[in-house]
Amino acid sequence: MTEKERHHPPANPGDSGPGCPGGGGDLEQIRQQGAAFLAAADDAINHALSGDSAKFNEAARQEGGE
């Protein structure tokens, strides 16, 4: 997911840029929190998945009219 995200830091840190609504000073902090959340989610998913998915798929395979 993070590969598709584009980062364009403002010219003046803490500034939301010309023509943009105010309050953009915390944007970098929010992005860092979001990145940490994504990393934690990816880690949780990796721990939840079976290390041997081929063996799992073979065990769960249905045959005949099951």
Protein backbone atom coordinates (compact mmCIF):
# COMPACT_ATOMS: atom_id res chain seq x y z
CA MET A 1 0.00 0.00 0.00
CA THR A 2 2.76 2.42 0.79
CA GLU A 3 4.24 2.12 -2.72
CA LYS A 4 1.25 3.95 -4.22
CA GLU A 5 1.37 6.81 -1.73
CA ARG A 6 3.04 9.98 -2.94
CA HIS A 7 4.69 12.34 -0.51
CA HIS A 8 5.03 16.00 -1.39
CA PRO A 9 6.42 17.80 1.64
CA PRO A 10 5.50 21.50 1.79
CA ALA A 11 8.17 24.09 1.02
CA ASN A 12 7.87 25.45 4.56
CA PRO A 13 7.58 22.77 7.27
CA GLY A 14 4.45 23.32 9.30
CA ASP A 15 2.79 25.20 6.45
CA SER A 16 -0.05 23.72 4.46
CA GLY A 17 0.95 25.66 1.35
CA PRO A 18 -0.71 28.47 -0.57
CA GLY A 19 -4.37 28.01 -1.32
CA CYS A 20 -4.74 25.13 1.10
CA PRO A 21 -6.81 25.23 4.27
CA GLY A 22 -4.90 25.92 7.46
CA GLY A 23 -4.03 23.38 10.11
CA GLY A 24 -1.58 21.34 8.05
CA GLY A 25 1.20 21.63 10.60
CA ASP A 26 0.52 18.21 12.10
CA LEU A 27 0.33 16.44 8.74
CA GLU A 28 3.79 14.89 8.97
CA GLN A 29 3.08 13.61 12.48
CA ILE A 30 -0.21 12.11 11.27
CA ARG A 31 1.59 10.46 8.34
CA GLN A 32 4.15 8.95 10.71
CA GLN A 33 1.38 7.62 12.93
CA GLY A 34 -0.38 6.19 9.87
CA ALA A 35 2.84 4.55 8.68
CA ALA A 36 3.36 3.02 12.13
CA PHE A 37 -0.24 1.75 12.09
CA LEU A 38 0.26 0.17 8.66
CA ALA A 39 3.51 -1.45 9.78
CA ALA A 40 1.78 -2.90 12.86
CA ALA A 41 -1.08 -4.20 10.71
CA ASP A 42 1.33 -5.81 8.24
CA ASP A 43 3.18 -7.43 11.13
CA ALA A 44 -0.07 -8.77 12.60
CA ILE A 45 -1.11 -10.19 9.23
CA ASN A 46 2.28 -11.84 8.74
CA HIS A 47 2.04 -13.46 12.19
CA ALA A 48 -1.52 -14.66 11.54
CA LEU A 49 -0.73 -16.35 8.22
CA SER A 50 0.44 -19.92 8.16
CA GLY A 51 4.10 -20.37 7.38
CA ASP A 52 3.30 -23.39 5.22
CA SER A 53 0.37 -22.30 3.08
CA ALA A 54 0.85 -25.16 0.59
CA LYS A 55 0.39 -27.71 3.37
CA PHE A 56 -2.67 -25.83 4.64
CA ASN A 57 -4.23 -25.70 1.17
CA GLU A 58 -3.64 -29.42 0.68
CA ALA A 59 -5.27 -30.24 4.03
CA ALA A 60 -8.29 -28.02 3.28
CA ARG A 61 -8.84 -29.35 -0.25
CA GLN A 62 -12.27 -30.76 -0.87
CA GLU A 63 -12.71 -33.92 -2.92
CA GLY A 64 -15.84 -35.33 -4.47
CA GLY A 65 -19.09 -34.06 -3.01
CA GLU A 66 -17.73 -32.84 0.32
